[in-house]
């Protein structure tokens, strides 16, 4: 059974992320989406909320599993029994960073490969950071997110404003 890991913050999961998830799920027997719990960042959503949102939007993909992790990606991939890391690329700047990470991971764990998928052109500009910034200024985000996720972003920002 071929298993791959698609790691990320997914804060929130965008349609660009979903594009990579859906395409990767067709390529592997099992796809584990690793939701990074990075204590150095202040995400909009907790890791539990991000895991639950991903579970909702991927419910129709039976070979997709969602897990949170912290620490080194390579350790998570090994613990998951996967042999492949999947990374999405939007632009050349993504490639430079991702190539460095892939090469570093290859030194640490030569048995684990990284594959890159280019995001669908219609999402090539899209990032979670951009979506959050638009939402903070009450801009329209429905073109970038699954409807359920767009509602959650609006609700979360409203909660923060009230607090």
C-alpha atoms as a PDB file:
ATOM      1  CA  UNK A   1       0.000   0.000   0.000  1.00  0.00           C
ATOM      2  CA  UNK A   2       1.453   3.352  -1.061  1.00  0.00           C
ATOM      3  CA  UNK A   3       0.946   6.092   1.513  1.00  0.00           C
ATOM      4  CA  UNK A   4       1.746   9.774   1.104  1.00  0.00           C
ATOM      5  CA  UNK A   5       1.711  12.692   3.524  1.00  0.00           C
ATOM      6  CA  UNK A   6       0.577  16.165   2.530  1.00  0.00           C
ATOM      7  CA  UNK A   7       1.689  18.497   5.341  1.00  0.00           C
ATOM      8  CA  UNK A   8       0.731  22.085   5.998  1.00  0.00           C
ATOM      9  CA  UNK A   9      -0.754  24.605   8.373  1.00  0.00           C
ATOM     10  CA  UNK A  10      -4.102  24.767   6.528  1.00  0.00           C
ATOM     11  CA  UNK A  11      -5.111  27.915   8.429  1.00  0.00           C
ATOM     12  CA  UNK A  12      -7.619  27.794   6.796  1.00  0.00           C
ATOM     13  CA  UNK A  13      -7.741  25.095   4.137  1.00  0.00           C
ATOM     14  CA  UNK A  14      -8.214  26.809   0.764  1.00  0.00           C
ATOM     15  CA  UNK A  15      -9.522  25.560  -2.564  1.00  0.00           C
ATOM     16  CA  UNK A  16      -5.876  25.446  -3.682  1.00  0.00           C
ATOM     17  CA  UNK A  17      -5.107  23.012  -0.857  1.00  0.00           C
ATOM     18  CA  UNK A  18      -8.182  20.997  -1.739  1.00  0.00           C
ATOM     19  CA  UNK A  19      -7.061  20.805  -5.367  1.00  0.00           C
ATOM     20  CA  UNK A  20      -3.787  19.195  -4.268  1.00  0.00           C
ATOM     21  CA  UNK A  21      -5.585  16.898  -1.795  1.00  0.00           C
ATOM     22  CA  UNK A  22      -8.093  15.643  -4.352  1.00  0.00           C
ATOM     23  CA  UNK A  23      -5.460  14.989  -7.019  1.00  0.00           C
ATOM     24  CA  UNK A  24      -3.071  13.304  -4.585  1.00  0.00           C
ATOM     25  CA  UNK A  25      -5.828  11.066  -3.199  1.00  0.00           C
ATOM     26  CA  UNK A  26      -6.238   9.647  -6.708  1.00  0.00           C
ATOM     27  CA  UNK A  27      -2.533   8.780  -6.925  1.00  0.00           C
ATOM     28  CA  UNK A  28      -2.058   6.919  -3.650  1.00  0.00           C
ATOM     29  CA  UNK A  29      -3.782   4.173  -1.719  1.00  0.00           C
ATOM     30  CA  UNK A  30      -3.776   6.367   1.377  1.00  0.00           C
ATOM     31  CA  UNK A  31      -3.217  10.092   1.858  1.00  0.00           C
ATOM     32  CA  UNK A  32      -2.499  11.464   5.304  1.00  0.00           C
ATOM     33  CA  UNK A  33      -2.964  15.187   5.659  1.00  0.00           C
ATOM     34  CA  UNK A  34      -0.594  16.349   8.379  1.00  0.00           C
ATOM     35  CA  UNK A  35      -1.789  19.502  10.119  1.00  0.00           C
ATOM     36  CA  UNK A  36       1.238  21.221  11.587  1.00  0.00           C
ATOM     37  CA  UNK A  37       0.925  22.532  15.121  1.00  0.00           C
ATOM     38  CA  UNK A  38       3.662  25.179  14.965  1.00  0.00           C
ATOM     39  CA  UNK A  39       4.040  26.775  18.394  1.00  0.00           C
ATOM     40  CA  UNK A  40       6.034  29.640  16.874  1.00  0.00           C
ATOM     41  CA  UNK A  41       2.957  30.849  14.950  1.00  0.00           C
ATOM     42  CA  UNK A  42      -0.374  32.249  16.095  1.00  0.00           C
ATOM     43  CA  UNK A  43      -2.905  30.586  13.796  1.00  0.00           C
ATOM     44  CA  UNK A  44      -6.462  31.781  13.406  1.00  0.00           C
ATOM     45  CA  UNK A  45      -7.717  28.250  14.134  1.00  0.00           C
ATOM     46  CA  UNK A  46      -6.457  25.701  16.665  1.00  0.00           C
ATOM     47  CA  UNK A  47      -4.962  22.489  15.330  1.00  0.00           C
ATOM     48  CA  UNK A  48      -8.129  20.641  16.427  1.00  0.00           C
ATOM     49  CA  UNK A  49     -10.325  23.087  14.506  1.00  0.00           C
ATOM     50  CA  UNK A  50      -8.129  22.768  11.407  1.00  0.00           C
ATOM     51  CA  UNK A  51      -8.236  18.967  11.612  1.00  0.00           C
ATOM     52  CA  UNK A  52     -12.031  19.032  11.927  1.00  0.00           C
ATOM     53  CA  UNK A  53     -12.453  21.450   9.006  1.00  0.00           C
ATOM     54  CA  UNK A  54     -10.266  19.247   6.819  1.00  0.00           C
ATOM     55  CA  UNK A  55     -12.290  16.197   7.843  1.00  0.00           C
ATOM     56  CA  UNK A  56     -15.444  17.984   6.718  1.00  0.00           C
ATOM     57  CA  UNK A  57     -14.168  19.048   3.310  1.00  0.00           C
ATOM     58  CA  UNK A  58     -12.522  15.685   2.576  1.00  0.00           C
ATOM     59  CA  UNK A  59     -15.394  13.489   3.804  1.00  0.00           C
ATOM     60  CA  UNK A  60     -16.068  12.308   0.248  1.00  0.00           C
ATOM     61  CA  UNK A  61     -12.479  11.064  -0.164  1.00  0.00           C
ATOM     62  CA  UNK A  62     -12.403   7.641   1.539  1.00  0.00           C
ATOM     63  CA  UNK A  63      -8.624   7.166   1.433  1.00  0.00           C
ATOM     64  CA  UNK A  64      -7.833  10.480   3.146  1.00  0.00           C
ATOM     65  CA  UNK A  65      -6.951  10.646   6.830  1.00  0.00           C
ATOM     66  CA  UNK A  66      -6.311  13.824   8.834  1.00  0.00           C
ATOM     67  CA  UNK A  67      -3.832  14.026  11.725  1.00  0.00           C
ATOM     68  CA  UNK A  68      -2.158  16.853  13.579  1.00  0.00           C
ATOM     69  CA  UNK A  69       1.542  16.788  14.345  1.00  0.00           C
ATOM     70  CA  UNK A  70       4.338  18.880  15.761  1.00  0.00           C
ATOM     71  CA  UNK A  71       8.051  18.589  15.417  1.00  0.00           C
ATOM     72  CA  UNK A  72       9.942  17.409  12.373  1.00  0.00           C
ATOM     73  CA  UNK A  73       7.944  16.464   9.304  1.00  0.00           C
ATOM     74  CA  UNK A  74      10.286  13.548   8.633  1.00  0.00           C
ATOM     75  CA  UNK A  75       9.502  12.051  12.059  1.00  0.00           C
ATOM     76  CA  UNK A  76       5.773  12.357  11.360  1.00  0.00           C
ATOM     77  CA  UNK A  77       6.166  10.752   7.925  1.00  0.00           C
ATOM     78  CA  UNK A  78       8.107   7.836   9.413  1.00  0.00           C
ATOM     79  CA  UNK A  79       5.550   7.352  12.205  1.00  0.00           C
ATOM     80  CA  UNK A  80       2.789   7.374   9.579  1.00  0.00           C
ATOM     81  CA  UNK A  81       4.453   4.594   7.597  1.00  0.00           C
ATOM     82  CA  UNK A  82       4.517   6.797   4.509  1.00  0.00           C
ATOM     83  CA  UNK A  83       7.324   6.965   1.993  1.00  0.00           C
ATOM     84  CA  UNK A  84       6.347  10.123   0.165  1.00  0.00           C
ATOM     85  CA  UNK A  85       5.822  13.780   1.050  1.00  0.00           C
ATOM     86  CA  UNK A  86       3.603  15.804  -1.278  1.00  0.00           C
ATOM     87  CA  UNK A  87       4.082  19.543  -1.625  1.00  0.00           C
ATOM     88  CA  UNK A  88       2.082  21.990  -3.695  1.00  0.00           C
ATOM     89  CA  UNK A  89       3.770  24.681  -5.748  1.00  0.00           C
ATOM     90  CA  UNK A  90       2.207  27.974  -6.770  1.00  0.00           C
ATOM     91  CA  UNK A  91       5.194  29.959  -8.000  1.00  0.00           C
ATOM     92  CA  UNK A  92       8.962  29.808  -8.426  1.00  0.00           C
ATOM     93  CA  UNK A  93       9.432  31.245  -4.938  1.00  0.00           C
ATOM     94  CA  UNK A  94       7.606  28.214  -3.511  1.00  0.00           C
ATOM     95  CA  UNK A  95       9.901  25.927  -5.488  1.00  0.00           C
ATOM     96  CA  UNK A  96      13.106  27.418  -4.094  1.00  0.00           C
ATOM     97  CA  UNK A  97      11.990  26.964  -0.496  1.00  0.00           C
ATOM     98  CA  UNK A  98      10.410  23.555  -1.080  1.00  0.00           C
ATOM     99  CA  UNK A  99      13.494  22.265  -2.908  1.00  0.00           C
ATOM    100  CA  UNK A 100      15.701  23.233   0.041  1.00  0.00           C
ATOM    101  CA  UNK A 101      13.358  21.460   2.440  1.00  0.00           C
ATOM    102  CA  UNK A 102      13.131  18.367   0.231  1.00  0.00           C
ATOM    103  CA  UNK A 103      16.903  18.138  -0.063  1.00  0.00           C
ATOM    104  CA  UNK A 104      17.368  18.592   3.675  1.00  0.00           C
ATOM    105  CA  UNK A 105      14.744  15.937   4.401  1.00  0.00           C
ATOM    106  CA  UNK A 106      16.446  13.608   1.915  1.00  0.00           C
ATOM    107  CA  UNK A 107      19.715  13.882   3.871  1.00  0.00           C
ATOM    108  CA  UNK A 108      17.911  13.144   7.153  1.00  0.00           C
ATOM    109  CA  UNK A 109      15.696  10.401   5.711  1.00  0.00           C
ATOM    110  CA  UNK A 110      16.991   9.040   2.383  1.00  0.00           C
ATOM    111  CA  UNK A 111      14.136   6.532   2.245  1.00  0.00           C
ATOM    112  CA  UNK A 112      11.514   9.276   1.967  1.00  0.00           C
ATOM    113  CA  UNK A 113      10.872  11.058  -1.327  1.00  0.00           C
ATOM    114  CA  UNK A 114       9.190  14.387  -1.976  1.00  0.00           C
ATOM    115  CA  UNK A 115       6.985  15.008  -4.974  1.00  0.00           C
ATOM    116  CA  UNK A 116       5.752  18.390  -6.126  1.00  0.00           C
ATOM    117  CA  UNK A 117       2.381  19.131  -7.673  1.00  0.00           C
ATOM    118  CA  UNK A 118       1.682  22.444  -9.298  1.00  0.00           C
ATOM    119  CA  UNK A 119      -1.540  23.998  -8.147  1.00  0.00           C
ATOM    120  CA  UNK A 120      -4.305  24.523 -10.656  1.00  0.00           C
ATOM    121  CA  UNK A 121      -3.616  27.822 -12.415  1.00  0.00           C
ATOM    122  CA  UNK A 122      -6.808  29.371 -11.057  1.00  0.00           C
ATOM    123  CA  UNK A 123      -5.392  28.997  -7.512  1.00  0.00           C
ATOM    124  CA  UNK A 124      -1.776  29.907  -8.271  1.00  0.00           C
ATOM    125  CA  UNK A 125      -1.998  33.210  -6.381  1.00  0.00           C
ATOM    126  CA  UNK A 126      -3.942  31.860  -3.419  1.00  0.00           C
ATOM    127  CA  UNK A 127      -2.663  31.498   0.143  1.00  0.00           C
ATOM    128  CA  UNK A 128      -4.300  31.167   3.534  1.00  0.00           C
ATOM    129  CA  UNK A 129      -2.616  34.415   4.606  1.00  0.00           C
ATOM    130  CA  UNK A 130      -4.189  36.347   1.741  1.00  0.00           C
ATOM    131  CA  UNK A 131      -7.611  34.869   2.506  1.00  0.00           C
ATOM    132  CA  UNK A 132      -7.339  35.827   6.185  1.00  0.00           C
ATOM    133  CA  UNK A 133      -6.306  39.370   5.318  1.00  0.00           C
ATOM    134  CA  UNK A 134      -9.234  39.796   2.923  1.00  0.00           C
ATOM    135  CA  UNK A 135     -11.615  38.387   5.544  1.00  0.00           C
ATOM    136  CA  UNK A 136     -10.278  40.708   8.262  1.00  0.00           C
ATOM    137  CA  UNK A 137     -11.354  43.653   6.126  1.00  0.00           C
ATOM    138  CA  UNK A 138     -14.759  42.046   5.472  1.00  0.00           C
ATOM    139  CA  UNK A 139     -13.846  41.240   1.879  1.00  0.00           C
ATOM    140  CA  UNK A 140     -15.513  38.442  -0.052  1.00  0.00           C
ATOM    141  CA  UNK A 141     -13.716  35.097   0.465  1.00  0.00           C
ATOM    142  CA  UNK A 142     -16.221  32.642  -1.014  1.00  0.00           C
ATOM    143  CA  UNK A 143     -14.185  32.289  -4.245  1.00  0.00           C
ATOM    144  CA  UNK A 144     -11.221  30.948  -2.271  1.00  0.00           C
ATOM    145  CA  UNK A 145     -12.743  28.574   0.286  1.00  0.00           C
ATOM    146  CA  UNK A 146     -15.266  25.776   0.586  1.00  0.00           C
ATOM    147  CA  UNK A 147     -18.538  27.407   1.798  1.00  0.00           C
ATOM    148  CA  UNK A 148     -18.324  25.715   5.216  1.00  0.00           C
ATOM    149  CA  UNK A 149     -14.773  26.979   5.698  1.00  0.00           C
ATOM    150  CA  UNK A 150     -15.663  30.518   4.573  1.00  0.00           C
ATOM    151  CA  UNK A 151     -18.419  30.578   7.217  1.00  0.00           C
ATOM    152  CA  UNK A 152     -15.973  29.367   9.885  1.00  0.00           C
ATOM    153  CA  UNK A 153     -13.456  32.073   8.992  1.00  0.00           C
ATOM    154  CA  UNK A 154     -16.126  34.774   9.255  1.00  0.00           C
ATOM    155  CA  UNK A 155     -17.372  33.337  12.578  1.00  0.00           C
ATOM    156  CA  UNK A 156     -13.863  33.115  14.033  1.00  0.00           C
ATOM    157  CA  UNK A 157     -13.018  36.686  13.071  1.00  0.00           C
ATOM    158  CA  UNK A 158     -16.312  37.894  14.543  1.00  0.00           C
ATOM    159  CA  UNK A 159     -15.506  36.054  17.801  1.00  0.00           C
ATOM    160  CA  UNK A 160     -12.113  37.775  17.932  1.00  0.00           C
ATOM    161  CA  UNK A 161     -13.661  41.197  17.336  1.00  0.00           C
ATOM    162  CA  UNK A 162     -16.110  40.670  20.199  1.00  0.00           C
ATOM    163  CA  UNK A 163     -13.371  39.501  22.582  1.00  0.00           C
END
